[in-house]
């Protein structure tokens, strides 16, 4: 069975990625201002750990 982690790119989710070493990590880009920095952090973490990383882009800025 494969494991997955919702990886925001923040310190907490990166720490969990290092601890649990999931097979897959998902990062959601919903249009937040810090998205690019968080995606870079998540991508670097996944590359370092050999985790398959997927970015899901959903533009929710029109919602407020």
Protein backbone atom coordinates (compact mmCIF):
# COMPACT_ATOMS: atom_id res chain seq x y z
CA UNK A 1 0.00 0.00 0.00
CA UNK A 2 1.29 3.48 -0.89
CA UNK A 3 1.22 6.37 1.55
CA UNK A 4 0.51 10.02 0.72
CA UNK A 5 1.01 13.34 2.48
CA UNK A 6 -0.61 16.72 1.90
CA UNK A 7 2.57 18.79 1.80
CA UNK A 8 2.02 22.54 2.10
CA UNK A 9 5.69 23.45 2.12
CA UNK A 10 5.52 24.82 5.65
CA UNK A 11 7.72 23.68 8.52
CA UNK A 12 5.16 21.27 9.99
CA UNK A 13 4.42 19.33 6.81
CA UNK A 14 8.11 19.24 5.84
CA UNK A 15 8.95 17.77 9.26
CA UNK A 16 6.26 15.11 8.78
CA UNK A 17 7.64 14.33 5.30
CA UNK A 18 11.11 13.75 6.77
CA UNK A 19 9.64 11.65 9.60
CA UNK A 20 7.15 9.51 7.65
CA UNK A 21 8.79 9.41 4.18
CA UNK A 22 5.54 8.95 2.22
CA UNK A 23 5.51 7.55 -1.32
CA UNK A 24 3.56 10.51 -2.71
CA UNK A 25 3.21 14.16 -1.68
CA UNK A 26 0.46 16.50 -2.87
CA UNK A 27 0.79 20.28 -2.76
CA UNK A 28 -2.27 22.46 -3.36
CA UNK A 29 -1.81 25.85 -5.00
CA UNK A 30 -5.11 27.65 -4.52
CA UNK A 31 -3.80 31.11 -5.38
CA UNK A 32 -2.42 32.15 -2.00
CA UNK A 33 0.31 34.83 -1.97
CA UNK A 34 2.99 32.53 -0.52
CA UNK A 35 2.26 29.70 -2.99
CA UNK A 36 5.46 29.89 -5.03
CA UNK A 37 7.77 29.86 -1.99
CA UNK A 38 5.81 26.99 -0.42
CA UNK A 39 5.84 25.00 -3.66
CA UNK A 40 9.61 25.47 -4.00
CA UNK A 41 10.14 24.29 -0.41
CA UNK A 42 7.89 21.27 -0.96
CA UNK A 43 9.59 20.42 -4.27
CA UNK A 44 13.10 20.61 -2.82
CA UNK A 45 12.06 18.46 0.13
CA UNK A 46 10.52 15.81 -2.12
CA UNK A 47 13.53 15.76 -4.42
CA UNK A 48 15.87 15.34 -1.44
CA UNK A 49 13.82 12.48 -0.04
CA UNK A 50 12.92 10.77 -3.31
CA UNK A 51 9.19 11.39 -2.86
CA UNK A 52 6.92 11.54 -5.92
CA UNK A 53 5.56 15.13 -5.83
CA UNK A 54 2.36 16.38 -7.47
CA UNK A 55 1.18 19.99 -7.53
CA UNK A 56 -2.55 20.62 -7.88
CA UNK A 57 -3.41 24.15 -9.03
CA UNK A 58 -6.85 25.52 -8.20
CA UNK A 59 -7.35 29.30 -8.49
CA UNK A 60 -9.64 30.32 -5.62
CA UNK A 61 -8.64 34.02 -5.51
CA UNK A 62 -12.03 35.09 -6.83
CA UNK A 63 -13.63 33.68 -3.66
CA UNK A 64 -11.80 36.16 -1.44
